[in-house]
Amino acid sequence: MTPYLKKGARMAKPLVGILMGSDSDLPIMQEAGAMLREFGIEYEMTIASAHRTPKKVLEYSQTAERRGLKVLIAGAGWAAHLAGFIASQTTLPVIGVPIDSSALKGMDALLSTVQMPGGIPVATMSIGKGGAKNAGIFAAQIIGTADVKVANRLKVFKVEMEREVEEKAKKLVAVSVAEPTLPEPEAAAPAGAKKKPRRRRWKKKPAAGQTQGPAS
């Protein structure tokens, strides 16, 4: 079994293993790889199905620690048993990513991944790309507990996120100030208040000898 490394990777020792049940899951699981690259963490990827290639998953799980991996990320859809299967065969931390590839929009994968019995934990992320991104960040946080460089990169990442939000907030304020203000609506009369009677205008009667209407 030879898991393939990310495209353009240096031949360094990977610390994170990313598995997915099908090649159709790659666009989602690439999000995890993108975050690991941002934190300078080497990883490997492979396709392995808990149902279609159980022997491969078994071998991968049982040899992962010996090969130097520190964290495993497993993404799967439908009846997603990949992360749980891996967790049952290793003491390494396992992160599960439910993928919305079925008619149930990933809810089946979410429940299959998160509902693990006591004693076999799987850290389950949210469904889809957001979950894969968080899986990469969470794996970095685990590695960062023993790697100062990774820990510092995570701190910088948090600061940059905060800065981006503040910049967006400033732009929003600038746009709202530039927009013309609408006139405020008239205040409604308090409940029970009596309306002032309208003043009736009386028509002035014509003087004696005068007639109304057009002259004949």
N, C-alpha and C. Protein backbone atom coordinates (compact mmCIF):
# COMPACT_ATOMS: atom_id res chain seq x y z
N MET A 1 0.85 -1.19 0.00
CA MET A 1 0.00 0.00 0.00
C MET A 1 0.88 1.23 0.00
N THR A 2 0.69 2.12 -0.98
CA THR A 2 1.50 3.33 -1.07
C THR A 2 0.59 4.54 -1.21
N PRO A 3 0.21 5.17 -0.09
CA PRO A 3 -0.62 6.36 -0.16
C PRO A 3 0.09 7.46 -0.95
N TYR A 4 -0.69 8.21 -1.76
CA TYR A 4 -0.03 9.24 -2.55
C TYR A 4 0.05 10.53 -1.76
N LEU A 5 1.17 11.23 -1.90
CA LEU A 5 1.36 12.52 -1.24
C LEU A 5 0.65 13.60 -2.03
N LYS A 6 0.44 14.73 -1.40
CA LYS A 6 -0.19 15.85 -2.08
C LYS A 6 0.66 16.30 -3.26
N LYS A 7 0.04 16.87 -4.26
CA LYS A 7 0.72 17.27 -5.48
C LYS A 7 1.81 18.29 -5.16
N GLY A 8 3.00 18.06 -5.67
CA GLY A 8 4.10 18.99 -5.46
C GLY A 8 4.73 18.89 -4.09
N ALA A 9 4.43 17.84 -3.35
CA ALA A 9 4.94 17.72 -1.99
C ALA A 9 6.42 17.37 -1.99
N ARG A 10 7.12 17.85 -0.98
CA ARG A 10 8.50 17.44 -0.75
C ARG A 10 8.47 16.05 -0.12
N MET A 11 9.51 15.28 -0.35
CA MET A 11 9.56 13.93 0.20
C MET A 11 9.94 14.00 1.68
N ALA A 12 9.06 14.62 2.46
CA ALA A 12 9.27 14.73 3.90
C ALA A 12 8.35 13.74 4.60
N LYS A 13 8.61 13.56 5.86
CA LYS A 13 7.83 12.59 6.61
C LYS A 13 6.46 13.18 6.95
N PRO A 14 5.38 12.60 6.44
CA PRO A 14 4.05 13.14 6.75
C PRO A 14 3.66 12.88 8.20
N LEU A 15 2.94 13.84 8.77
CA LEU A 15 2.46 13.73 10.14
C LEU A 15 0.96 13.46 10.20
N VAL A 16 0.26 13.73 9.11
CA VAL A 16 -1.21 13.57 9.08
C VAL A 16 -1.57 12.69 7.89
N GLY A 17 -2.46 11.75 8.12
CA GLY A 17 -3.00 10.92 7.06
C GLY A 17 -4.43 11.32 6.75
N ILE A 18 -4.73 11.58 5.50
CA ILE A 18 -6.09 11.95 5.08
C ILE A 18 -6.64 10.81 4.22
N LEU A 19 -7.74 10.24 4.65
CA LEU A 19 -8.39 9.16 3.90
C LEU A 19 -9.78 9.59 3.48
N MET A 20 -10.21 9.07 2.34
CA MET A 20 -11.56 9.34 1.87
C MET A 20 -12.11 8.08 1.22
N GLY A 21 -13.43 7.94 1.27
CA GLY A 21 -14.04 6.72 0.76
C GLY A 21 -14.10 6.61 -0.73
N SER A 22 -14.02 7.77 -1.45
CA SER A 22 -14.15 7.76 -2.90
C SER A 22 -13.40 8.96 -3.48
N ASP A 23 -13.00 8.86 -4.75
CA ASP A 23 -12.32 9.99 -5.37
C ASP A 23 -13.25 11.19 -5.53
N SER A 24 -14.56 10.96 -5.50
CA SER A 24 -15.51 12.08 -5.58
C SER A 24 -15.48 12.95 -4.33
N ASP A 25 -14.86 12.45 -3.26
CA ASP A 25 -14.74 13.21 -2.02
C ASP A 25 -13.54 14.15 -2.03
N LEU A 26 -12.69 14.03 -3.05
CA LEU A 26 -11.45 14.81 -3.08
C LEU A 26 -11.66 16.32 -3.04
N PRO A 27 -12.61 16.90 -3.80
CA PRO A 27 -12.78 18.36 -3.73
C PRO A 27 -13.07 18.87 -2.32
N ILE A 28 -13.71 18.02 -1.51
CA ILE A 28 -13.99 18.42 -0.12
C ILE A 28 -12.78 18.20 0.77
N MET A 29 -12.15 17.05 0.66
CA MET A 29 -11.04 16.72 1.54
C MET A 29 -9.78 17.54 1.24
N GLN A 30 -9.71 18.15 0.06
CA GLN A 30 -8.59 19.03 -0.25
C GLN A 30 -8.56 20.24 0.68
N GLU A 31 -9.72 20.59 1.23
CA GLU A 31 -9.77 21.71 2.17
C GLU A 31 -8.93 21.43 3.41
N ALA A 32 -8.95 20.19 3.86
CA ALA A 32 -8.12 19.80 5.01
C ALA A 32 -6.64 19.92 4.66
N GLY A 33 -6.29 19.47 3.46
CA GLY A 33 -4.90 19.57 3.02
C GLY A 33 -4.44 21.01 2.89
N ALA A 34 -5.33 21.88 2.42
CA ALA A 34 -4.98 23.29 2.25
C ALA A 34 -4.63 23.93 3.60
N MET A 35 -5.39 23.59 4.64
CA MET A 35 -5.10 24.14 5.97
C MET A 35 -3.80 23.59 6.53
N LEU A 36 -3.54 22.32 6.30
CA LEU A 36 -2.29 21.73 6.79
C LEU A 36 -1.09 22.38 6.10
N ARG A 37 -1.21 22.67 4.82
CA ARG A 37 -0.12 23.36 4.11
C ARG A 37 0.11 24.74 4.70
N GLU A 38 -0.97 25.42 5.06
CA GLU A 38 -0.84 26.76 5.64
C GLU A 38 -0.03 26.73 6.93
N PHE A 39 -0.15 25.66 7.68
CA PHE A 39 0.57 25.55 8.95
C PHE A 39 1.90 24.80 8.80
N GLY A 40 2.26 24.49 7.55
CA GLY A 40 3.55 23.85 7.31
C GLY A 40 3.62 22.40 7.74
N ILE A 41 2.49 21.70 7.68
CA ILE A 41 2.43 20.31 8.12
C ILE A 41 2.35 19.39 6.91
N GLU A 42 3.25 18.43 6.82
CA GLU A 42 3.23 17.46 5.73
C GLU A 42 2.12 16.44 5.98
N TYR A 43 1.52 15.99 4.89
CA TYR A 43 0.44 15.00 5.00
C TYR A 43 0.46 14.07 3.80
N GLU A 44 -0.26 12.98 3.92
CA GLU A 44 -0.45 12.06 2.81
C GLU A 44 -1.93 11.82 2.63
N MET A 45 -2.31 11.44 1.42
CA MET A 45 -3.72 11.18 1.09
C MET A 45 -3.85 9.81 0.44
N THR A 46 -4.97 9.17 0.70
CA THR A 46 -5.27 7.94 -0.01
C THR A 46 -6.78 7.72 -0.03
N ILE A 47 -7.22 6.87 -0.94
CA ILE A 47 -8.63 6.48 -1.02
C ILE A 47 -8.76 5.08 -0.43
N ALA A 48 -9.63 4.96 0.53
CA ALA A 48 -9.85 3.66 1.18
C ALA A 48 -11.28 3.62 1.71
N SER A 49 -12.01 2.60 1.36
CA SER A 49 -13.41 2.48 1.75
C SER A 49 -13.57 1.42 2.84
N ALA A 50 -14.29 1.78 3.90
CA ALA A 50 -14.53 0.82 4.98
C ALA A 50 -15.35 -0.37 4.49
N HIS A 51 -16.13 -0.17 3.43
CA HIS A 51 -17.00 -1.24 2.94
C HIS A 51 -16.42 -1.95 1.72
N ARG A 52 -15.75 -1.21 0.83
CA ARG A 52 -15.25 -1.82 -0.41
C ARG A 52 -13.81 -2.31 -0.30
N THR A 53 -13.01 -1.65 0.55
CA THR A 53 -11.61 -2.09 0.72
C THR A 53 -11.27 -2.18 2.21
N PRO A 54 -11.97 -3.01 2.96
CA PRO A 54 -11.73 -3.07 4.41
C PRO A 54 -10.32 -3.51 4.79
N LYS A 55 -9.70 -4.37 3.98
CA LYS A 55 -8.34 -4.84 4.30
C LYS A 55 -7.34 -3.69 4.21
N LYS A 56 -7.54 -2.83 3.22
CA LYS A 56 -6.65 -1.67 3.06
C LYS A 56 -6.79 -0.72 4.25
N VAL A 57 -8.03 -0.47 4.67
CA VAL A 57 -8.26 0.40 5.82
C VAL A 57 -7.64 -0.20 7.07
N LEU A 58 -7.78 -1.49 7.23
CA LEU A 58 -7.22 -2.18 8.39
C LEU A 58 -5.70 -2.04 8.43
N GLU A 59 -5.07 -2.31 7.30
CA GLU A 59 -3.61 -2.22 7.22
C GLU A 59 -3.13 -0.78 7.48
N TYR A 60 -3.81 0.18 6.86
CA TYR A 60 -3.44 1.58 7.02
C TYR A 60 -3.53 2.00 8.49
N SER A 61 -4.62 1.63 9.12
CA SER A 61 -4.85 2.02 10.51
C SER A 61 -3.82 1.42 11.45
N GLN A 62 -3.50 0.15 11.24
CA GLN A 62 -2.60 -0.56 12.15
C GLN A 62 -1.14 -0.18 11.96
N THR A 63 -0.80 0.39 10.79
CA THR A 63 0.60 0.76 10.55
C THR A 63 0.84 2.26 10.63
N ALA A 64 -0.22 3.04 10.84
CA ALA A 64 -0.11 4.51 10.80
C ALA A 64 0.87 5.04 11.84
N GLU A 65 0.75 4.59 13.07
CA GLU A 65 1.62 5.09 14.14
C GLU A 65 3.08 4.71 13.88
N ARG A 66 3.31 3.49 13.42
CA ARG A 66 4.67 3.03 13.15
C ARG A 66 5.32 3.83 12.03
N ARG A 67 4.50 4.32 11.11
CA ARG A 67 5.03 5.12 10.00
C ARG A 67 5.22 6.58 10.36
N GLY A 68 4.91 6.96 11.60
CA GLY A 68 5.18 8.32 12.06
C GLY A 68 4.01 9.28 11.99
N LEU A 69 2.83 8.80 11.61
CA LEU A 69 1.66 9.67 11.58
C LEU A 69 1.20 10.01 13.00
N LYS A 70 0.70 11.23 13.17
CA LYS A 70 0.24 11.69 14.48
C LYS A 70 -1.27 11.85 14.57
N VAL A 71 -1.90 12.13 13.43
CA VAL A 71 -3.35 12.36 13.39
C VAL A 71 -3.88 11.77 12.09
N LEU A 72 -5.09 11.22 12.15
CA LEU A 72 -5.75 10.68 10.96
C LEU A 72 -7.07 11.42 10.73
N ILE A 73 -7.30 11.81 9.48
CA ILE A 73 -8.54 12.49 9.09
C ILE A 73 -9.25 11.59 8.09
N ALA A 74 -10.51 11.27 8.35
CA ALA A 74 -11.27 10.38 7.48
C ALA A 74 -12.56 11.06 7.03
N GLY A 75 -12.74 11.15 5.72
CA GLY A 75 -13.96 11.73 5.17
C GLY A 75 -14.74 10.70 4.38
N ALA A 76 -16.05 10.63 4.64
CA ALA A 76 -16.89 9.65 3.93
C ALA A 76 -18.34 10.12 3.94
N GLY A 77 -19.08 9.63 2.95
CA GLY A 77 -20.51 9.94 2.88
C GLY A 77 -21.35 8.70 3.07
N TRP A 78 -22.65 8.86 2.88
CA TRP A 78 -23.62 7.77 3.04
C TRP A 78 -23.49 7.14 4.43
N ALA A 79 -23.41 5.80 4.51
CA ALA A 79 -23.22 5.12 5.81
C ALA A 79 -21.73 5.20 6.13
N ALA A 80 -21.33 6.35 6.67
CA ALA A 80 -19.90 6.68 6.80
C ALA A 80 -19.26 6.00 8.00
N HIS A 81 -18.74 4.81 7.79
CA HIS A 81 -18.12 4.04 8.87
C HIS A 81 -16.60 4.11 8.84
N LEU A 82 -16.05 4.90 7.91
CA LEU A 82 -14.60 4.93 7.73
C LEU A 82 -13.87 5.42 8.99
N ALA A 83 -14.28 6.55 9.52
CA ALA A 83 -13.60 7.11 10.69
C ALA A 83 -13.70 6.18 11.90
N GLY A 84 -14.88 5.60 12.12
CA GLY A 84 -15.07 4.70 13.24
C GLY A 84 -14.26 3.42 13.11
N PHE A 85 -14.19 2.91 11.88
CA PHE A 85 -13.40 1.70 11.62
C PHE A 85 -11.93 1.98 11.94
N ILE A 86 -11.43 3.11 11.47
CA ILE A 86 -10.03 3.47 11.73
C ILE A 86 -9.79 3.64 13.22
N ALA A 87 -10.69 4.33 13.90
CA ALA A 87 -10.53 4.58 15.34
C ALA A 87 -10.50 3.28 16.14
N SER A 88 -11.16 2.26 15.64
CA SER A 88 -11.18 0.98 16.38
C SER A 88 -9.87 0.22 16.25
N GLN A 89 -8.99 0.67 15.31
CA GLN A 89 -7.76 -0.07 15.04
C GLN A 89 -6.49 0.68 15.41
N THR A 90 -6.62 1.88 15.99
CA THR A 90 -5.44 2.67 16.34
C THR A 90 -5.72 3.50 17.58
N THR A 91 -4.64 3.92 18.24
CA THR A 91 -4.78 4.83 19.39
C THR A 91 -4.49 6.27 18.98
N LEU A 92 -4.20 6.50 17.70
CA LEU A 92 -4.00 7.86 17.22
C LEU A 92 -5.34 8.61 17.21
N PRO A 93 -5.32 9.93 17.40
CA PRO A 93 -6.57 10.69 17.30
C PRO A 93 -7.13 10.64 15.88
N VAL A 94 -8.43 10.40 15.78
CA VAL A 94 -9.10 10.30 14.49
C VAL A 94 -10.14 11.41 14.38
N ILE A 95 -10.10 12.12 13.26
CA ILE A 95 -11.04 13.21 12.99
C ILE A 95 -11.93 12.79 11.83
N GLY A 96 -13.24 12.85 12.03
CA GLY A 96 -14.19 12.44 11.00
C GLY A 96 -14.82 13.63 10.29
N VAL A 97 -14.95 13.53 8.97
CA VAL A 97 -15.59 14.58 8.17
C VAL A 97 -16.77 13.96 7.42
N PRO A 98 -18.00 14.24 7.82
CA PRO A 98 -19.16 13.74 7.07
C PRO A 98 -19.28 14.47 5.73
N ILE A 99 -19.56 13.73 4.68
CA ILE A 99 -19.63 14.31 3.34
C ILE A 99 -21.05 14.18 2.80
N ASP A 100 -21.54 15.28 2.22
CA ASP A 100 -22.93 15.32 1.74
C ASP A 100 -23.01 14.79 0.31
N SER A 101 -22.89 13.47 0.17
CA SER A 101 -22.89 12.85 -1.16
C SER A 101 -24.14 12.01 -1.42
N SER A 102 -25.08 11.98 -0.48
CA SER A 102 -26.27 11.15 -0.65
C SER A 102 -27.52 12.02 -0.74
N ALA A 103 -28.65 11.36 -0.93
CA ALA A 103 -29.92 12.08 -1.01
C ALA A 103 -30.29 12.74 0.31
N LEU A 104 -29.67 12.30 1.40
CA LEU A 104 -29.97 12.87 2.72
C LEU A 104 -29.08 14.06 3.05
N LYS A 105 -28.32 14.53 2.08
CA LYS A 105 -27.50 15.75 2.21
C LYS A 105 -26.49 15.67 3.35
N GLY A 106 -25.96 14.50 3.62
CA GLY A 106 -24.90 14.35 4.62
C GLY A 106 -25.37 14.07 6.03
N MET A 107 -26.67 14.12 6.27
CA MET A 107 -27.16 13.83 7.63
C MET A 107 -26.90 12.38 8.02
N ASP A 108 -26.99 11.47 7.04
CA ASP A 108 -26.69 10.06 7.31
C ASP A 108 -25.22 9.89 7.67
N ALA A 109 -24.35 10.58 6.94
CA ALA A 109 -22.91 10.49 7.21
C ALA A 109 -22.57 11.12 8.56
N LEU A 110 -23.24 12.21 8.88
CA LEU A 110 -23.00 12.88 10.16
C LEU A 110 -23.32 11.95 11.33
N LEU A 111 -24.49 11.33 11.29
CA LEU A 111 -24.90 10.45 12.38
C LEU A 111 -24.03 9.19 12.43
N SER A 112 -23.65 8.68 11.26
CA SER A 112 -22.80 7.48 11.23
C SER A 112 -21.43 7.77 11.83
N THR A 113 -20.95 9.00 11.67
CA THR A 113 -19.62 9.36 12.15
C THR A 113 -19.63 9.76 13.62
N VAL A 114 -20.64 10.52 14.02
CA VAL A 114 -20.62 11.08 15.38
C VAL A 114 -21.14 10.11 16.44
N GLN A 115 -22.02 9.19 16.04
CA GLN A 115 -22.66 8.31 17.02
C GLN A 115 -21.79 7.08 17.32
N MET A 116 -20.59 7.34 17.84
CA MET A 116 -19.69 6.24 18.17
C MET A 116 -19.97 5.74 19.59
N PRO A 117 -19.83 4.45 19.84
CA PRO A 117 -20.05 3.92 21.19
C PRO A 117 -18.92 4.37 22.12
N GLY A 118 -19.21 4.39 23.40
CA GLY A 118 -18.21 4.77 24.38
C GLY A 118 -16.97 3.91 24.28
N GLY A 119 -15.81 4.55 24.30
CA GLY A 119 -14.55 3.83 24.21
C GLY A 119 -13.87 3.93 22.86
N ILE A 120 -14.62 4.34 21.82
CA ILE A 120 -14.05 4.50 20.48
C ILE A 120 -14.37 5.92 19.99
N PRO A 121 -13.61 6.92 20.46
CA PRO A 121 -13.95 8.30 20.11
C PRO A 121 -13.53 8.68 18.69
N VAL A 122 -14.36 9.49 18.06
CA VAL A 122 -14.05 10.12 16.78
C VAL A 122 -14.43 11.59 16.90
N ALA A 123 -13.47 12.47 16.68
CA ALA A 123 -13.75 13.92 16.72
C ALA A 123 -14.44 14.30 15.41
N THR A 124 -15.75 14.51 15.48
CA THR A 124 -16.54 14.71 14.27
C THR A 124 -16.71 16.19 13.96
N MET A 125 -16.38 16.56 12.73
CA MET A 125 -16.53 17.94 12.27
C MET A 125 -17.90 18.12 11.62
N SER A 126 -18.14 19.33 11.12
CA SER A 126 -19.40 19.60 10.43
C SER A 126 -19.39 19.01 9.02
N ILE A 127 -20.53 19.02 8.38
CA ILE A 127 -20.68 18.40 7.06
C ILE A 127 -20.01 19.24 5.97
N GLY A 128 -19.30 18.57 5.08
CA GLY A 128 -18.81 19.24 3.87
C GLY A 128 -17.49 19.98 4.01
N LYS A 129 -17.30 20.98 3.14
CA LYS A 129 -16.02 21.68 3.04
C LYS A 129 -15.63 22.39 4.34
N GLY A 130 -16.61 22.97 5.00
CA GLY A 130 -16.31 23.63 6.28
C GLY A 130 -15.77 22.65 7.30
N GLY A 131 -16.34 21.45 7.31
CA GLY A 131 -15.87 20.42 8.22
C GLY A 131 -14.47 19.95 7.88
N ALA A 132 -14.17 19.83 6.57
CA ALA A 132 -12.83 19.42 6.15
C ALA A 132 -11.80 20.48 6.51
N LYS A 133 -12.16 21.74 6.33
CA LYS A 133 -11.26 22.83 6.72
C LYS A 133 -10.98 22.78 8.22
N ASN A 134 -12.03 22.61 9.01
CA ASN A 134 -11.84 22.53 10.47
C ASN A 134 -11.04 21.30 10.88
N ALA A 135 -11.18 20.22 10.10
CA ALA A 135 -10.39 19.02 10.40
C ALA A 135 -8.90 19.30 10.27
N GLY A 136 -8.53 20.06 9.22
CA GLY A 136 -7.14 20.43 9.04
C GLY A 136 -6.64 21.30 10.17
N ILE A 137 -7.47 22.26 10.59
CA ILE A 137 -7.09 23.15 11.70
C ILE A 137 -6.98 22.36 13.00
N PHE A 138 -7.93 21.47 13.24
CA PHE A 138 -7.92 20.69 14.48
C PHE A 138 -6.71 19.77 14.54
N ALA A 139 -6.36 19.17 13.40
CA ALA A 139 -5.16 18.33 13.35
C ALA A 139 -3.92 19.15 13.68
N ALA A 140 -3.87 20.39 13.16
CA ALA A 140 -2.74 21.28 13.45
C ALA A 140 -2.69 21.63 14.94
N GLN A 141 -3.87 21.82 15.54
CA GLN A 141 -3.90 22.14 16.97
C GLN A 141 -3.38 20.96 17.81
N ILE A 142 -3.69 19.75 17.38
CA ILE A 142 -3.18 18.57 18.10
C ILE A 142 -1.66 18.51 17.98
N ILE A 143 -1.16 18.69 16.76
CA ILE A 143 0.28 18.65 16.55
C ILE A 143 0.97 19.83 17.24
N GLY A 144 0.27 20.96 17.28
CA GLY A 144 0.83 22.15 17.89
C GLY A 144 1.08 22.04 19.38
N THR A 145 0.48 21.07 20.04
CA THR A 145 0.74 20.89 21.48
C THR A 145 2.18 20.44 21.74
N ALA A 146 2.84 19.89 20.70
CA ALA A 146 4.23 19.43 20.86
C ALA A 146 5.16 20.07 19.84
N ASP A 147 4.66 21.03 19.06
CA ASP A 147 5.47 21.69 18.04
C ASP A 147 5.25 23.20 18.15
N VAL A 148 6.28 23.91 18.60
CA VAL A 148 6.16 25.35 18.85
C VAL A 148 5.90 26.11 17.56
N LYS A 149 6.54 25.72 16.46
CA LYS A 149 6.35 26.42 15.19
C LYS A 149 4.90 26.36 14.73
N VAL A 150 4.33 25.18 14.81
CA VAL A 150 2.92 25.02 14.42
C VAL A 150 2.02 25.82 15.35
N ALA A 151 2.30 25.78 16.64
CA ALA A 151 1.50 26.53 17.61
C ALA A 151 1.54 28.03 17.30
N ASN A 152 2.71 28.56 16.95
CA ASN A 152 2.83 29.98 16.61
C ASN A 152 2.09 30.32 15.33
N ARG A 153 2.13 29.41 14.36
CA ARG A 153 1.39 29.65 13.11
C ARG A 153 -0.11 29.67 13.36
N LEU A 154 -0.57 28.85 14.28
CA LEU A 154 -2.00 28.86 14.64
C LEU A 154 -2.38 30.19 15.29
N LYS A 155 -1.51 30.74 16.10
CA LYS A 155 -1.79 32.04 16.73
C LYS A 155 -1.87 33.14 15.68
N VAL A 156 -0.95 33.12 14.72
CA VAL A 156 -0.98 34.09 13.63
C VAL A 156 -2.27 33.95 12.83
N PHE A 157 -2.68 32.71 12.58
CA PHE A 157 -3.92 32.44 11.85
C PHE A 157 -5.12 33.07 12.55
N LYS A 158 -5.18 32.95 13.87
CA LYS A 158 -6.29 33.53 14.64
C LYS A 158 -6.28 35.05 14.53
N VAL A 159 -5.09 35.65 14.62
CA VAL A 159 -4.97 37.11 14.53
C VAL A 159 -5.40 37.60 13.15
N GLU A 160 -5.00 36.89 12.11
CA GLU A 160 -5.37 37.28 10.74
C GLU A 160 -6.88 37.16 10.53
N MET A 161 -7.49 36.14 11.10
CA MET A 161 -8.95 36.00 10.99
C MET A 161 -9.65 37.19 11.64
N GLU A 162 -9.16 37.57 12.82
CA GLU A 162 -9.76 38.71 13.53
C GLU A 162 -9.60 40.00 12.72
N ARG A 163 -8.42 40.17 12.11
CA ARG A 163 -8.16 41.37 11.32
C ARG A 163 -9.09 41.43 10.11
N GLU A 164 -9.29 40.29 9.46
CA GLU A 164 -10.17 40.26 8.29
C GLU A 164 -11.60 40.65 8.64
N VAL A 165 -12.07 40.15 9.79
CA VAL A 165 -13.43 40.48 10.22
C VAL A 165 -13.55 41.98 10.51
N GLU A 166 -12.54 42.56 11.17
CA GLU A 166 -12.56 43.98 11.49
C GLU A 166 -12.54 44.83 10.23
N GLU A 167 -11.76 44.42 9.24
CA GLU A 167 -11.71 45.16 7.98
C GLU A 167 -13.06 45.13 7.26
N LYS A 168 -13.71 43.96 7.28
CA LYS A 168 -15.03 43.85 6.66
C LYS A 168 -16.05 44.73 7.40
N ALA A 169 -15.93 44.78 8.72
CA ALA A 169 -16.84 45.61 9.51
C ALA A 169 -16.66 47.09 9.18
N LYS A 170 -15.39 47.52 8.99
CA LYS A 170 -15.13 48.92 8.65
C LYS A 170 -15.70 49.27 7.29
N LYS A 171 -15.56 48.36 6.32
CA LYS A 171 -16.12 48.58 4.99
C LYS A 171 -17.63 48.71 5.05
N LEU A 172 -18.26 47.89 5.88
CA LEU A 172 -19.71 47.94 6.01
C LEU A 172 -20.16 49.27 6.59
N VAL A 173 -19.42 49.78 7.59
CA VAL A 173 -19.74 51.08 8.19
C VAL A 173 -19.59 52.18 7.16
N ALA A 174 -18.53 52.11 6.36
CA ALA A 174 -18.30 53.12 5.34
C ALA A 174 -19.43 53.15 4.32
N VAL A 175 -19.90 52.00 3.92
CA VAL A 175 -21.00 51.92 2.96
C VAL A 175 -22.28 52.48 3.55
N SER A 176 -22.56 52.15 4.80
CA SER A 176 -23.81 52.61 5.43
C SER A 176 -23.80 54.12 5.63
N VAL A 177 -22.63 54.72 5.88
CA VAL A 177 -22.55 56.18 6.04
C VAL A 177 -22.77 56.87 4.70
N ALA A 178 -22.29 56.27 3.63
CA ALA A 178 -22.42 56.87 2.31
C ALA A 178 -23.84 56.82 1.77
N GLU A 179 -24.64 55.89 2.23
CA GLU A 179 -26.01 55.75 1.73
C GLU A 179 -26.88 56.88 2.28
N PRO A 180 -27.81 57.45 1.44
CA PRO A 180 -28.71 58.51 1.92
C PRO A 180 -29.65 57.97 2.99
N THR A 181 -29.88 58.81 3.97
CA THR A 181 -30.77 58.39 5.06
C THR A 181 -32.21 58.67 4.70
N LEU A 182 -33.07 57.77 5.01
CA LEU A 182 -34.50 57.94 4.74
C LEU A 182 -35.14 58.74 5.86
N PRO A 183 -36.18 59.54 5.54
CA PRO A 183 -36.85 60.29 6.61
C PRO A 183 -37.50 59.35 7.62
N GLU A 184 -37.42 59.74 8.87
CA GLU A 184 -37.99 58.90 9.91
C GLU A 184 -39.51 58.93 9.83
N PRO A 185 -40.17 57.81 10.02
CA PRO A 185 -41.64 57.79 9.98
C PRO A 185 -42.21 58.56 11.17
N GLU A 186 -43.40 59.14 10.94
CA GLU A 186 -44.05 59.88 12.02
C GLU A 186 -44.39 58.94 13.16
N ALA A 187 -44.21 59.45 14.37
CA ALA A 187 -44.51 58.65 15.55
C ALA A 187 -46.00 58.36 15.63
N ALA A 188 -46.35 57.15 15.90
CA ALA A 188 -47.76 56.76 16.02
C ALA A 188 -48.34 57.34 17.30
N ALA A 189 -49.61 57.69 17.26
CA ALA A 189 -50.28 58.23 18.44
C ALA A 189 -50.39 57.15 19.50
N PRO A 190 -50.20 57.51 20.76
CA PRO A 190 -50.30 56.50 21.82
C PRO A 190 -51.69 55.89 21.88
N ALA A 191 -51.73 54.65 22.32
CA ALA A 191 -53.00 53.94 22.39
C ALA A 191 -53.96 54.66 23.33
N GLY A 192 -55.20 54.82 22.90
CA GLY A 192 -56.22 55.45 23.73
C GLY A 192 -56.28 56.96 23.58
N ALA A 193 -55.34 57.54 22.83
CA ALA A 193 -55.33 59.00 22.67
C ALA A 193 -56.49 59.41 21.75
N LYS A 194 -57.16 60.51 22.08
CA LYS A 194 -58.28 60.99 21.28
C LYS A 194 -57.76 61.87 20.15
N LYS A 195 -58.33 61.64 18.99
CA LYS A 195 -57.95 62.45 17.85
C LYS A 195 -58.60 63.82 17.96
N LYS A 196 -57.83 64.85 17.56
CA LYS A 196 -58.39 66.19 17.58
C LYS A 196 -59.43 66.32 16.47
N PRO A 197 -60.61 66.93 16.79
CA PRO A 197 -61.65 67.07 15.75
C PRO A 197 -61.18 68.00 14.65
N ARG A 198 -61.50 67.65 13.44
CA ARG A 198 -61.12 68.49 12.30
C ARG A 198 -61.99 69.74 12.29
N ARG A 199 -61.35 70.86 12.02
CA ARG A 199 -62.08 72.14 12.02
C ARG A 199 -62.88 72.26 10.72
N ARG A 200 -64.16 72.48 10.89
CA ARG A 200 -65.03 72.56 9.70
C ARG A 200 -64.98 73.96 9.13
N ARG A 201 -64.80 74.03 7.83
CA ARG A 201 -64.77 75.33 7.16
C ARG A 201 -66.15 75.62 6.55
N TRP A 202 -66.69 76.77 6.88
CA TRP A 202 -68.01 77.17 6.35
C TRP A 202 -67.82 78.09 5.15
N LYS A 203 -68.65 77.85 4.13
CA LYS A 203 -68.59 78.70 2.94
C LYS A 203 -69.23 80.06 3.25
N LYS A 204 -68.57 81.09 2.76
CA LYS A 204 -69.10 82.45 2.97
C LYS A 204 -70.31 82.70 2.08
N LYS A 205 -71.39 83.16 2.69
CA LYS A 205 -72.60 83.43 1.92
C LYS A 205 -72.41 84.69 1.08
N PRO A 206 -72.95 84.68 -0.16
CA PRO A 206 -72.82 85.89 -1.01
C PRO A 206 -73.65 87.04 -0.44
N ALA A 207 -73.15 88.22 -0.64
CA ALA A 207 -73.88 89.44 -0.17
C ALA A 207 -75.16 89.61 -0.97
N ALA A 208 -76.04 90.44 -0.42
CA ALA A 208 -77.32 90.67 -1.07
C ALA A 208 -77.11 91.25 -2.46
N GLY A 209 -77.83 90.77 -3.43
CA GLY A 209 -77.76 91.24 -4.79
C GLY A 209 -76.70 90.57 -5.62
N GLN A 210 -75.85 89.71 -4.95
CA GLN A 210 -74.80 88.98 -5.69
C GLN A 210 -75.27 87.56 -5.97
N THR A 211 -74.86 87.07 -7.10
CA THR A 211 -75.21 85.70 -7.46
C THR A 211 -73.96 84.88 -7.61
N GLN A 212 -74.11 83.56 -7.41
CA GLN A 212 -72.99 82.66 -7.59
C GLN A 212 -72.99 82.08 -9.00
N GLY A 213 -71.89 81.62 -9.42
CA GLY A 213 -71.81 80.97 -10.72
C GLY A 213 -71.39 81.92 -11.80
N PRO A 214 -71.23 81.43 -12.98
CA PRO A 214 -70.78 82.26 -14.11
C PRO A 214 -71.82 83.29 -14.52
N ALA A 215 -71.32 84.40 -14.98
CA ALA A 215 -72.25 85.47 -15.42
C ALA A 215 -72.99 84.99 -16.65
N SER A 216 -74.28 85.41 -16.74
CA SER A 216 -75.10 84.97 -17.88
C SER A 216 -74.82 85.85 -19.07
